[in-house]
Amino acid sequence: MIGEQLPLSVQLPDSASFDNFHAGPNAQALAALRELGLGEGGTTLIHGPHGCGKTHLLQACSRDALARRQRAAYLPLGSFAAEQPAVMQGFEHYDLVCLDDVDAPLQDRDWAQGLLRLLDAVKTHGGRCLLSAAVPPDRLAIARLPDLRTRLSACASFALRKLDDDEHAAMLKARAQRLGLALPHETIHWMLTHLPRDTSSLLAALARIDRAALAARRRPTLPFVQQVLTASAQPQPETR
């Protein structure tokens, strides 16, 4: 999971890339991260609520850099918070280091010091760091380490916003077209009315529709979609 072996996305069911990220109100952040992948910029932090696409963008940036034959790494710090900060060692000379959920372990002083060392080492090497957090730098809960707060406060920062219903509808329509599905308007409306209104849940539902439509060789009409998603939401009987 560490280094050039990128983990599978836990937020989106398909391979995260810039091209399949529906920017909506986050076009400025997307443009900045594309430039980061090209080698422009130093340390950048994106922040926003769960489901706004932070993990997607970090993984997309990592993959884009790897495709350009750069040394890139994606580290989901939220998954490593119970580990030692030594998991961040070894990436000091990478061209791009993407650290997801950076706010998860930073109340621990050892983790905070480890992050500070990594940021300084990558900068000295001429590389870039991309961080994600739930809140902007000035609201991060950090162990008493003024130098780290100074570094994070000085980095470029972009707020991500969740898509609204119209933007989610446009996203679903565009993603369905990529999959070769013609989602009727009433089907999209039903999904937005009856499913959780977050990007990851909606895309997971669309993936289920796509698989079911291919298997049944059916069009994604509203009755078919209702049947597929209602069935997938039912608890499965235990097997013995």
Protein backbone atom coordinates (compact mmCIF):
# COMPACT_ATOMS: atom_id res chain seq x y z
CA MET A 1 0.00 0.00 0.00
CA ILE A 2 2.97 2.27 0.42
CA GLY A 3 5.13 3.80 -2.28
CA GLU A 4 4.43 3.33 -5.96
CA GLN A 5 1.83 0.64 -5.28
CA LEU A 6 -1.32 2.75 -5.16
CA PRO A 7 -4.18 1.43 -3.04
CA LEU A 8 -7.60 0.92 -4.54
CA SER A 9 -9.98 3.79 -3.97
CA VAL A 10 -12.17 3.31 -0.92
CA GLN A 11 -14.33 6.33 -1.79
CA LEU A 12 -14.96 5.73 -5.48
CA PRO A 13 -15.58 2.38 -7.15
CA ASP A 14 -13.63 3.12 -10.31
CA SER A 15 -10.05 4.16 -10.96
CA ALA A 16 -9.60 7.74 -9.80
CA SER A 17 -8.37 10.11 -12.48
CA PHE A 18 -8.61 13.78 -13.32
CA ASP A 19 -10.75 13.03 -16.37
CA ASN A 20 -13.52 11.29 -14.43
CA PHE A 21 -13.64 13.84 -11.62
CA HIS A 22 -16.74 16.00 -11.97
CA ALA A 23 -15.36 19.34 -10.82
CA GLY A 24 -18.58 21.33 -10.48
CA PRO A 25 -17.73 24.14 -8.04
CA ASN A 26 -14.21 22.76 -7.52
CA ALA A 27 -12.73 23.68 -10.89
CA GLN A 28 -10.06 25.95 -9.38
CA ALA A 29 -8.76 23.19 -7.12
CA LEU A 30 -8.74 20.72 -10.02
CA ALA A 31 -6.72 23.10 -12.19
CA ALA A 32 -4.21 23.67 -9.37
CA LEU A 33 -3.73 19.93 -8.84
CA ARG A 34 -3.20 19.34 -12.55
CA GLU A 35 -0.37 21.87 -12.36
CA LEU A 36 0.99 20.12 -9.27
CA GLY A 37 1.21 16.90 -11.26
CA LEU A 38 3.18 18.76 -13.92
CA GLY A 39 5.77 19.75 -11.34
CA GLU A 40 4.45 23.19 -10.44
CA GLY A 41 3.93 24.29 -6.83
CA GLY A 42 5.26 23.24 -3.45
CA THR A 43 2.97 22.11 -0.64
CA THR A 44 -0.78 22.18 -1.32
CA LEU A 45 -3.64 21.31 1.03
CA ILE A 46 -7.20 20.58 -0.05
CA HIS A 47 -9.91 20.48 2.59
CA GLY A 48 -13.61 19.80 2.80
CA PRO A 49 -16.27 17.44 4.18
CA HIS A 50 -16.42 13.71 3.61
CA GLY A 51 -17.62 12.87 0.12
CA CYS A 52 -16.34 15.98 -1.65
CA GLY A 53 -13.66 14.07 -3.61
CA LYS A 54 -10.44 14.58 -1.64
CA THR A 55 -9.28 10.96 -1.90
CA HIS A 56 -10.20 10.84 -5.59
CA LEU A 57 -8.08 13.90 -6.32
CA LEU A 58 -5.07 12.74 -4.29
CA GLN A 59 -5.07 9.38 -6.04
CA ALA A 60 -5.60 11.05 -9.42
CA CYS A 61 -2.63 13.33 -8.79
CA SER A 62 -0.48 10.37 -7.77
CA ARG A 63 -1.41 8.36 -10.85
CA ASP A 64 -0.85 11.33 -13.12
CA ALA A 65 2.65 11.86 -11.72
CA LEU A 66 3.48 8.15 -12.05
CA ALA A 67 2.31 8.23 -15.67
CA ARG A 68 4.84 11.01 -16.21
CA ARG A 69 7.56 8.72 -14.81
CA GLN A 70 7.86 10.70 -11.60
CA ARG A 71 8.34 9.09 -8.21
CA ALA A 72 4.97 9.48 -6.50
CA ALA A 73 3.33 8.02 -3.41
CA TYR A 74 -0.15 8.03 -1.92
CA LEU A 75 -0.46 7.50 1.86
CA PRO A 76 -3.87 7.34 3.59
CA LEU A 77 -2.82 8.58 7.02
CA GLY A 78 -6.26 7.93 8.46
CA SER A 79 -5.56 4.22 8.03
CA PHE A 80 -2.10 4.52 9.61
CA ALA A 81 -2.96 6.68 12.64
CA ALA A 82 -2.55 3.71 15.00
CA GLU A 83 0.88 2.92 13.53
CA GLN A 84 4.22 4.62 14.11
CA PRO A 85 5.05 7.73 12.05
CA ALA A 86 7.93 5.74 10.56
CA VAL A 87 5.47 4.79 7.79
CA MET A 88 6.25 8.21 6.30
CA GLN A 89 9.98 7.49 6.06
CA GLY A 90 11.51 6.72 2.70
CA PHE A 91 9.57 9.27 0.69
CA GLU A 92 11.85 12.25 1.31
CA HIS A 93 13.25 12.19 -2.24
CA TYR A 94 10.01 11.56 -4.08
CA ASP A 95 8.76 14.03 -6.66
CA LEU A 96 5.24 13.98 -5.23
CA VAL A 97 3.92 12.74 -1.89
CA CYS A 98 0.14 12.71 -1.38
CA LEU A 99 -0.98 12.42 2.24
CA ASP A 100 -4.69 11.77 2.73
CA ASP A 101 -6.54 12.59 5.99
CA VAL A 102 -3.49 14.39 7.33
CA ASP A 103 -5.50 15.71 10.27
CA ALA A 104 -6.11 12.20 11.65
CA PRO A 105 -2.83 11.71 13.59
CA LEU A 106 -1.53 15.24 14.10
CA GLN A 107 -2.49 15.59 17.75
CA ASP A 108 0.26 13.05 18.41
CA ARG A 109 3.56 14.95 18.71
CA ASP A 110 5.62 12.16 17.12
CA TRP A 111 3.36 12.16 14.08
CA ALA A 112 3.46 15.94 13.88
CA GLN A 113 7.26 15.92 13.99
CA GLY A 114 7.39 13.18 11.38
CA LEU A 115 5.18 15.18 9.04
CA LEU A 116 7.28 18.31 9.57
CA ARG A 117 10.47 16.42 8.71
CA LEU A 118 8.87 14.95 5.60
CA LEU A 119 7.55 18.30 4.35
CA ASP A 120 10.92 19.96 4.83
CA ALA A 121 12.84 17.09 3.22
CA VAL A 122 10.59 16.96 0.16
CA LYS A 123 10.83 20.72 -0.26
CA THR A 124 14.63 20.63 0.02
CA HIS A 125 14.72 17.93 -2.63
CA GLY A 126 12.55 20.05 -4.94
CA GLY A 127 9.51 17.81 -4.70
CA ARG A 128 5.88 18.60 -3.91
CA CYS A 129 3.45 17.49 -1.21
CA LEU A 130 -0.31 17.30 -1.53
CA LEU A 131 -2.29 17.01 1.70
CA SER A 132 -5.97 16.56 2.46
CA ALA A 133 -7.88 17.40 5.62
CA ALA A 134 -11.42 17.99 6.76
CA VAL A 135 -10.72 21.60 7.78
CA PRO A 136 -8.43 24.43 6.58
CA PRO A 137 -4.89 24.75 7.96
CA ASP A 138 -5.76 27.35 10.61
CA ARG A 139 -8.36 25.01 12.14
CA LEU A 140 -6.25 21.85 12.24
CA ALA A 141 -5.79 20.29 15.67
CA ILE A 142 -2.02 19.87 15.88
CA ALA A 143 0.26 18.89 18.75
CA ARG A 144 2.22 21.85 20.10
CA LEU A 145 4.65 22.24 17.23
CA PRO A 146 4.67 25.86 15.99
CA ASP A 147 6.95 25.13 13.03
CA LEU A 148 4.47 22.64 11.56
CA ARG A 149 1.55 25.01 11.95
CA THR A 150 3.63 27.70 10.22
CA ARG A 151 4.43 25.35 7.30
CA LEU A 152 0.80 24.35 6.88
CA SER A 153 -0.48 27.91 7.17
CA ALA A 154 1.92 28.98 4.40
CA CYS A 155 0.92 26.29 1.91
CA ALA A 156 -1.54 26.80 -0.93
CA SER A 157 -5.00 25.84 0.31
CA PHE A 158 -8.20 25.02 -1.59
CA ALA A 159 -11.64 24.37 -0.13
CA LEU A 160 -13.69 21.65 -1.81
CA ARG A 161 -17.46 21.80 -1.76
CA LYS A 162 -19.90 18.93 -2.15
CA LEU A 163 -21.94 18.90 -5.32
CA ASP A 164 -25.55 20.07 -5.13
CA ASP A 165 -28.43 18.13 -6.68
CA ASP A 166 -28.11 19.73 -10.12
CA GLU A 167 -24.36 19.07 -10.15
CA HIS A 168 -24.89 15.49 -8.98
CA ALA A 169 -27.43 15.00 -11.77
CA ALA A 170 -24.92 16.29 -14.33
CA MET A 171 -22.23 14.03 -12.86
CA LEU A 172 -24.47 10.94 -13.02
CA LYS A 173 -25.47 11.69 -16.60
CA ALA A 174 -21.86 12.21 -17.71
CA ARG A 175 -20.57 9.12 -15.91
CA ALA A 176 -23.42 6.99 -17.28
CA GLN A 177 -22.56 8.13 -20.79
CA ARG A 178 -18.95 7.06 -20.23
CA LEU A 179 -20.28 3.63 -19.28
CA GLY A 180 -22.55 3.48 -22.32
CA LEU A 181 -25.71 3.89 -20.24
CA ALA A 182 -28.57 6.20 -21.15
CA LEU A 183 -30.01 7.15 -17.77
CA PRO A 184 -33.48 8.68 -18.17
CA HIS A 185 -34.16 11.92 -16.34
CA GLU A 186 -36.74 10.29 -14.08
CA THR A 187 -34.21 7.64 -13.08
CA ILE A 188 -31.65 10.26 -12.06
CA HIS A 189 -34.33 12.18 -10.16
CA TRP A 190 -35.36 9.02 -8.29
CA MET A 191 -31.73 8.29 -7.36
CA LEU A 192 -31.25 11.80 -5.97
CA THR A 193 -34.49 11.55 -4.03
CA HIS A 194 -34.04 8.08 -2.52
CA LEU A 195 -30.27 7.58 -2.18
CA PRO A 196 -27.74 9.31 0.09
CA ARG A 197 -26.77 12.61 -1.54
CA ASP A 198 -23.02 12.11 -1.59
CA THR A 199 -20.83 11.44 -4.58
CA SER A 200 -19.39 8.12 -3.43
CA SER A 201 -22.83 6.60 -2.66
CA LEU A 202 -24.29 7.76 -5.97
CA LEU A 203 -21.36 6.43 -7.99
CA ALA A 204 -21.48 3.11 -6.14
CA ALA A 205 -25.19 2.86 -7.04
CA LEU A 206 -24.40 3.69 -10.66
CA ALA A 207 -21.78 0.93 -10.72
CA ARG A 208 -24.40 -1.56 -9.47
CA ILE A 209 -26.83 -0.42 -12.16
CA ASP A 210 -24.16 -0.83 -14.83
CA ARG A 211 -23.30 -4.37 -13.73
CA ALA A 212 -26.95 -5.38 -13.51
CA ALA A 213 -27.82 -3.84 -16.89
CA LEU A 214 -24.94 -5.66 -18.57
CA ALA A 215 -25.87 -8.96 -16.94
CA ALA A 216 -29.57 -8.66 -17.78
CA ARG A 217 -29.01 -6.90 -21.11
CA ARG A 218 -31.56 -4.33 -20.02
CA ARG A 219 -31.85 -0.59 -20.33
CA PRO A 220 -31.64 1.33 -17.03
CA THR A 221 -35.33 2.25 -16.93
CA LEU A 222 -36.75 3.54 -13.67
CA PRO A 223 -38.48 0.23 -12.72
CA PHE A 224 -35.29 -1.70 -13.46
CA VAL A 225 -33.12 0.69 -11.42
CA GLN A 226 -35.59 0.60 -8.53
CA GLN A 227 -35.50 -3.19 -8.57
CA VAL A 228 -31.70 -3.35 -8.69
CA LEU A 229 -31.06 -0.80 -5.94
CA THR A 230 -33.88 -1.98 -3.71
CA ALA A 231 -32.64 -5.56 -3.95
CA SER A 232 -29.05 -4.56 -3.19
CA ALA A 233 -30.21 -2.67 -0.10
CA GLN A 234 -31.97 -5.70 1.36
CA PRO A 235 -30.07 -7.66 4.06
CA GLN A 236 -28.81 -10.98 2.76
CA PRO A 237 -29.78 -14.19 4.61
CA GLU A 238 -27.02 -15.77 6.66
CA THR A 239 -25.36 -18.85 5.26
CA ARG A 240 -24.37 -21.74 7.46
